[in-house]
Amino acid sequence: MLFKNLTAYRFTKPWRISLGDLEAGVAQKPSRDCQFQELEFIGFDYVHEHTRLRVWPIQNEKAFLLKLTQAKRLLPPAVLKEEARKIISQKEKATGEPVKGPERKEIISQVKDDLLQKAFHKKSAIQMVVHLENQEIWIDQVSEKKCEMALGLLRKATGSLPVEPISNSGEIVEQLSSWLLNEDNCPDGISVGDAAKLVDTTDAKAHINIKRQDLNTDEIRALLDDRCVVSLGIEIGDQLVAELTNLRGLKSIKPKEAFDLGSNEGDDPNSAFDALVYLSVEEIAAARHKLKGGLLEATQSNEEAVA
């Protein structure tokens, strides 16, 4: 499976782009290491190590795969503070006078510049699928900050990107709690898995993580008396096993059956990668379709019950 997590965004109005225009746009924002005094830099990278493509077309250009790489210098504030403190202390001992504001700031700035030259570099990848047919964008991340950073770079590369988070449709805590209380409440094609995260209704910091356990027990259901479900392990049709969050994201995605990509001997790496991308996008699209239908049905049922 290509994605491990999924945060989905939808276009707020019809949006199209050609392969050529997208390639030209991302080529203007390539990934690279941090330069000079940069703390971080993000750019579009090659989608896998055996290709020079930054845009991978899927299903006759119905969708595109992109990969962004964030380069970051590791300079913990505590390290900067301690090194600056040593130099300031040495100067105060040598002069017998306290180092004042402007000079203190200058020392801290100089120490920061020196440490940045020696700082370790860390790189992390962010995968993204722009699905034109479904008019959605999928990002292999659960961090809102990283998702917004990726969308911001794509917006700069394409000139416009009218999207909003799927989570704008509202939280689904009630649906998740209902499914856990009684699996019969799950929509068709969706069943409860073996993981859940429960949060105290009066203290959001108090939570219980349940992993690899049978959730269909009285003991588990009793935990819901004063707690709500913010993440629930589910199985989606024949496609995926994942954890569905209260913000409609998916975590820890796994295919229910391993993809058959054929023998690796003598295979063109691009062909193998293309098969992986195709199958991953097909499975995610099918799972997203079931989820959207299931959550819509659950919302309508709740509204009818209230009425």
Protein backbone atom coordinates (compact mmCIF):
# COMPACT_ATOMS: atom_id res chain seq x y z
CA MET A 1 0.00 0.00 0.00
CA LEU A 2 1.35 3.38 -1.05
CA PHE A 3 -0.25 5.39 1.78
CA LYS A 4 -0.01 4.72 5.52
CA ASN A 5 -2.32 7.59 6.47
CA LEU A 6 -4.85 9.71 4.66
CA THR A 7 -6.09 13.25 5.16
CA ALA A 8 -8.54 14.18 2.41
CA TYR A 9 -9.40 17.56 0.93
CA ARG A 10 -12.08 18.34 -1.65
CA PHE A 11 -12.19 20.98 -4.34
CA THR A 12 -14.75 23.69 -3.63
CA LYS A 13 -15.26 24.25 -7.35
CA PRO A 14 -14.35 22.21 -10.45
CA TRP A 15 -10.58 22.18 -10.90
CA ARG A 16 -8.53 20.77 -13.75
CA ILE A 17 -4.89 20.77 -14.78
CA SER A 18 -2.99 19.01 -17.55
CA LEU A 19 0.00 16.78 -16.96
CA GLY A 20 2.23 19.22 -18.82
CA ASP A 21 1.12 22.23 -16.79
CA LEU A 22 1.50 20.35 -13.51
CA GLU A 23 4.97 19.12 -14.47
CA ALA A 24 6.00 22.65 -15.42
CA GLY A 25 4.67 24.05 -12.15
CA VAL A 26 6.35 21.58 -9.79
CA ALA A 27 9.62 21.82 -11.75
CA GLN A 28 9.82 25.43 -10.53
CA LYS A 29 9.72 24.22 -6.90
CA PRO A 30 12.26 21.36 -6.72
CA SER A 31 13.44 19.86 -3.44
CA ARG A 32 16.97 20.58 -2.17
CA ASP A 33 19.00 20.78 1.02
CA CYS A 34 18.79 23.80 3.30
CA GLN A 35 21.13 26.58 2.21
CA PHE A 36 22.95 29.31 4.13
CA GLN A 37 20.93 30.05 7.27
CA GLU A 38 17.73 28.25 6.26
CA LEU A 39 16.14 26.20 9.01
CA GLU A 40 13.96 24.22 6.61
CA PHE A 41 13.03 23.91 2.96
CA ILE A 42 10.33 21.95 1.15
CA GLY A 43 10.10 21.14 -2.54
CA PHE A 44 8.81 18.59 -5.03
CA ASP A 45 10.98 15.48 -5.27
CA TYR A 46 11.21 12.56 -7.68
CA VAL A 47 8.33 10.21 -6.89
CA HIS A 48 10.69 7.23 -6.38
CA GLU A 49 14.40 6.57 -6.47
CA HIS A 50 14.52 5.03 -9.95
CA THR A 51 12.84 7.83 -11.86
CA ARG A 52 13.37 11.47 -12.75
CA LEU A 53 9.65 12.22 -12.72
CA ARG A 54 8.14 14.59 -10.18
CA VAL A 55 4.59 13.94 -11.40
CA TRP A 56 3.34 10.37 -11.83
CA PRO A 57 0.16 10.11 -13.96
CA ILE A 58 -2.43 7.55 -12.86
CA GLN A 59 -5.29 6.00 -14.85
CA ASN A 60 -4.82 8.02 -18.02
CA GLU A 61 -4.24 11.26 -16.09
CA LYS A 62 -7.39 10.94 -13.97
CA ALA A 63 -5.08 11.42 -10.99
CA PHE A 64 -1.47 12.42 -10.28
CA LEU A 65 0.98 11.31 -7.61
CA LEU A 66 3.38 13.89 -6.18
CA LYS A 67 6.10 13.60 -3.57
CA LEU A 68 7.42 16.46 -1.48
CA THR A 69 10.57 16.34 0.61
CA GLN A 70 11.08 18.58 3.62
CA ALA A 71 14.69 19.24 4.60
CA LYS A 72 15.18 20.54 8.11
CA ARG A 73 18.15 21.53 10.24
CA LEU A 74 18.00 20.10 13.75
CA LEU A 75 18.87 22.87 16.19
CA PRO A 76 17.03 22.40 19.51
CA PRO A 77 16.34 25.72 21.29
CA ALA A 78 17.84 24.31 24.49
CA VAL A 79 21.20 23.76 22.75
CA LEU A 80 21.23 27.31 21.36
CA LYS A 81 20.31 28.75 24.75
CA GLU A 82 23.05 26.80 26.57
CA GLU A 83 25.81 27.68 24.10
CA ALA A 84 24.85 31.36 24.17
CA ARG A 85 24.75 31.29 27.98
CA LYS A 86 28.32 29.97 28.12
CA ILE A 87 29.68 32.74 25.88
CA ILE A 88 27.74 35.45 27.70
CA SER A 89 28.97 34.13 31.07
CA GLN A 90 32.58 34.08 29.87
CA LYS A 91 32.34 37.66 28.62
CA GLU A 92 30.78 38.89 31.85
CA LYS A 93 33.60 37.30 33.86
CA ALA A 94 36.25 38.82 31.59
CA THR A 95 34.80 42.35 31.69
CA GLY A 96 33.25 42.31 35.14
CA GLU A 97 30.09 43.84 33.66
CA PRO A 98 26.75 42.33 32.64
CA VAL A 99 26.07 41.82 28.95
CA LYS A 100 23.18 44.09 28.02
CA GLY A 101 20.24 43.55 25.65
CA PRO A 102 21.59 44.56 22.21
CA GLU A 103 24.92 42.82 22.76
CA ARG A 104 23.19 39.74 24.18
CA LYS A 105 21.02 39.51 21.06
CA GLU A 106 24.07 39.84 18.83
CA ILE A 107 25.83 37.01 20.67
CA ILE A 108 22.78 34.75 20.41
CA SER A 109 22.52 35.50 16.69
CA GLN A 110 26.19 34.69 16.13
CA VAL A 111 25.94 31.46 18.11
CA LYS A 112 22.88 30.45 16.09
CA ASP A 113 24.73 31.08 12.81
CA ASP A 114 27.70 28.99 13.99
CA LEU A 115 25.55 26.10 15.20
CA LEU A 116 23.48 26.03 12.00
CA GLN A 117 26.63 25.24 10.02
CA LYS A 118 27.16 22.14 12.18
CA ALA A 119 23.51 21.11 12.57
CA PHE A 120 22.30 17.73 11.37
CA HIS A 121 19.89 17.61 8.45
CA LYS A 122 16.69 15.59 8.58
CA LYS A 123 14.57 14.78 5.55
CA SER A 124 10.97 13.62 5.53
CA ALA A 125 8.68 12.82 2.60
CA ILE A 126 5.04 13.75 2.06
CA GLN A 127 3.10 11.90 -0.64
CA MET A 128 0.07 13.46 -2.27
CA VAL A 129 -2.50 12.31 -4.83
CA VAL A 130 -4.40 14.92 -6.81
CA HIS A 131 -7.49 12.98 -7.91
CA LEU A 132 -9.14 14.97 -10.66
CA GLU A 133 -11.89 12.43 -11.33
CA ASN A 134 -13.02 12.44 -7.69
CA GLN A 135 -12.14 16.15 -7.26
CA GLU A 136 -10.18 15.39 -4.10
CA ILE A 137 -6.61 15.62 -2.81
CA TRP A 138 -5.24 12.88 -0.55
CA ILE A 139 -2.19 13.47 1.62
CA ASP A 140 -0.27 10.70 3.38
CA GLN A 141 -0.17 12.64 6.65
CA VAL A 142 -2.18 13.19 9.82
CA SER A 143 -0.36 16.40 10.79
CA GLU A 144 -2.50 19.40 9.87
CA LYS A 145 0.61 21.59 9.72
CA LYS A 146 2.36 19.32 7.20
CA CYS A 147 -0.79 18.94 5.12
CA GLU A 148 -1.23 22.71 4.91
CA MET A 149 2.45 23.11 4.07
CA ALA A 150 2.10 20.61 1.20
CA LEU A 151 -1.06 22.27 -0.11
CA GLY A 152 0.59 25.68 0.12
CA LEU A 153 3.48 24.55 -2.06
CA LEU A 154 1.13 22.96 -4.60
CA ARG A 155 -0.89 26.19 -4.67
CA LYS A 156 2.27 28.15 -5.50
CA ALA A 157 3.16 25.66 -8.25
CA THR A 158 -0.28 25.71 -9.89
CA GLY A 159 -1.40 29.28 -9.23
CA SER A 160 -4.65 28.28 -7.53
CA LEU A 161 -5.99 25.44 -5.42
CA PRO A 162 -9.60 25.90 -4.22
CA VAL A 163 -9.77 23.13 -1.60
CA GLU A 164 -11.16 22.62 1.88
CA PRO A 165 -10.66 19.81 4.41
CA ILE A 166 -13.14 16.94 4.38
CA SER A 167 -13.22 17.48 8.15
CA ASN A 168 -15.21 20.67 7.50
CA SER A 169 -18.23 18.37 7.21
CA GLY A 170 -18.05 18.06 11.00
CA GLU A 171 -16.75 15.58 13.54
CA ILE A 172 -18.16 12.04 13.57
CA VAL A 173 -17.74 11.21 17.26
CA GLU A 174 -21.38 10.17 17.59
CA GLN A 175 -21.16 7.78 14.65
CA LEU A 176 -17.95 6.19 15.91
CA SER A 177 -19.41 5.73 19.39
CA SER A 178 -22.59 4.26 17.90
CA TRP A 179 -20.61 1.76 15.81
CA LEU A 180 -18.57 0.68 18.82
CA LEU A 181 -21.64 0.28 21.01
CA ASN A 182 -23.34 -1.91 18.45
CA GLU A 183 -21.64 -3.15 15.28
CA ASP A 184 -25.09 -3.52 13.69
CA ASN A 185 -25.11 0.29 13.51
CA CYS A 186 -22.21 0.24 11.05
CA PRO A 187 -23.13 1.07 7.43
CA ASP A 188 -22.99 -1.66 4.81
CA GLY A 189 -19.44 -2.54 3.88
CA ILE A 190 -17.93 -1.23 7.13
CA SER A 191 -17.20 -3.29 10.26
CA VAL A 192 -15.46 -2.63 13.57
CA GLY A 193 -11.80 -3.62 13.85
CA ASP A 194 -9.58 -4.17 16.86
CA ALA A 195 -8.40 -0.68 17.86
CA ALA A 196 -9.92 2.43 19.40
CA LYS A 197 -9.00 5.64 21.18
CA LEU A 198 -11.40 6.90 23.84
CA VAL A 199 -11.26 10.38 25.38
CA ASP A 200 -12.80 11.52 28.64
CA THR A 201 -15.75 13.83 27.96
CA THR A 202 -14.59 16.24 30.68
CA ASP A 203 -10.82 16.09 30.12
CA ALA A 204 -9.49 15.81 26.57
CA LYS A 205 -6.03 14.93 27.89
CA ALA A 206 -7.35 11.80 29.58
CA HIS A 207 -7.54 9.05 26.99
CA ILE A 208 -7.43 5.28 26.60
CA ASN A 209 -5.72 3.59 23.65
CA ILE A 210 -6.94 0.09 22.80
CA LYS A 211 -4.91 -2.03 20.38
CA ARG A 212 -5.42 -5.55 19.04
CA GLN A 213 -8.36 -6.35 21.27
CA ASP A 214 -11.86 -7.65 20.69
CA LEU A 215 -13.99 -4.51 20.91
CA ASN A 216 -17.27 -6.42 20.97
CA THR A 217 -17.33 -6.91 24.75
CA ASP A 218 -19.34 -5.45 27.62
CA GLU A 219 -16.11 -4.26 29.28
CA ILE A 220 -15.20 -2.13 26.25
CA ARG A 221 -18.72 -0.76 25.86
CA ALA A 222 -18.79 0.16 29.56
CA LEU A 223 -15.85 2.52 28.93
CA LEU A 224 -18.17 4.71 26.84
CA ASP A 225 -20.24 5.76 29.87
CA ASP A 226 -18.07 8.85 30.36
CA ARG A 227 -15.89 8.73 27.25
CA CYS A 228 -16.29 9.32 23.52
CA VAL A 229 -14.59 7.61 20.58
CA VAL A 230 -12.14 9.80 18.64
CA SER A 231 -10.53 6.98 16.64
CA LEU A 232 -11.91 3.58 15.71
CA GLY A 233 -10.33 0.66 13.91
CA ILE A 234 -12.50 -0.39 10.98
CA GLU A 235 -12.51 -2.76 8.04
CA ILE A 236 -13.79 -1.23 4.81
CA GLY A 237 -15.25 -3.80 2.42
CA ASP A 238 -12.58 -5.91 0.78
CA GLN A 239 -10.27 -2.92 0.55
CA LEU A 240 -8.62 -1.69 3.71
CA VAL A 241 -8.07 -2.02 7.43
CA ALA A 242 -7.48 1.36 9.07
CA GLU A 243 -8.30 3.64 11.99
CA LEU A 244 -10.99 6.21 11.22
CA THR A 245 -10.59 9.43 13.21
CA ASN A 246 -13.33 11.76 14.40
CA LEU A 247 -12.06 14.26 11.78
CA ARG A 248 -12.69 11.72 8.97
CA GLY A 249 -9.02 10.92 8.44
CA LEU A 250 -7.52 7.44 8.15
CA LYS A 251 -4.46 6.18 10.05
CA SER A 252 -2.45 2.95 9.95
CA ILE A 253 -3.83 1.95 6.54
CA LYS A 254 -3.23 -1.62 5.40
CA PRO A 255 -4.73 -3.57 2.50
CA LYS A 256 -6.85 -6.53 3.61
CA GLU A 257 -4.95 -8.65 1.12
CA ALA A 258 -1.37 -8.11 -0.01
CA PHE A 259 -1.05 -6.70 -3.50
CA ASP A 260 0.11 -9.17 -6.14
CA LEU A 261 2.73 -7.20 -8.05
CA GLY A 262 4.24 -10.22 -9.78
CA SER A 263 7.86 -11.34 -9.70
CA ASN A 264 10.55 -8.72 -9.04
CA GLU A 265 13.15 -10.55 -11.11
CA GLY A 266 14.02 -8.49 -14.14
CA ASP A 267 11.05 -6.21 -13.61
CA ASP A 268 11.29 -2.61 -14.71
CA PRO A 269 11.19 -0.64 -11.41
CA ASN A 270 8.89 1.89 -13.05
CA SER A 271 6.41 -0.85 -13.98
CA ALA A 272 6.44 -2.27 -10.46
CA PHE A 273 5.96 1.18 -8.97
CA ASP A 274 3.17 1.97 -11.42
CA ALA A 275 1.34 -1.23 -10.40
CA LEU A 276 1.69 -0.32 -6.71
CA VAL A 277 0.39 3.21 -7.32
CA TYR A 278 -2.52 2.01 -9.45
CA LEU A 279 -3.68 -0.62 -6.95
CA SER A 280 -3.25 1.73 -3.98
CA VAL A 281 -5.29 4.50 -5.59
CA GLU A 282 -8.00 2.04 -6.67
CA GLU A 283 -8.32 0.63 -3.14
CA ILE A 284 -8.34 4.05 -1.49
CA ALA A 285 -10.92 5.38 -3.96
CA ALA A 286 -13.21 2.39 -3.31
CA ALA A 287 -12.77 2.78 0.46
CA ARG A 288 -13.42 6.52 0.28
CA HIS A 289 -16.63 5.83 -1.68
CA LYS A 290 -17.90 3.43 0.99
CA LEU A 291 -16.96 5.81 3.78
CA LYS A 292 -18.65 8.81 2.20
CA GLY A 293 -21.84 6.84 1.61
CA GLY A 294 -21.75 5.24 5.05
CA LEU A 295 -21.19 8.48 6.94
CA LEU A 296 -23.91 10.23 4.94
CA GLU A 297 -26.37 7.45 5.80
CA ALA A 298 -25.41 7.60 9.47
CA THR A 299 -25.83 11.37 9.58
CA GLN A 300 -29.26 11.16 7.94
CA SER A 301 -30.34 8.42 10.38
CA ASN A 302 -29.28 10.54 13.36
CA GLU A 303 -31.20 13.55 12.01
CA GLU A 304 -34.33 11.41 11.50
CA ALA A 305 -34.03 10.03 15.03
CA VAL A 306 -33.83 13.54 16.49
CA ALA A 307 -36.84 14.67 14.42
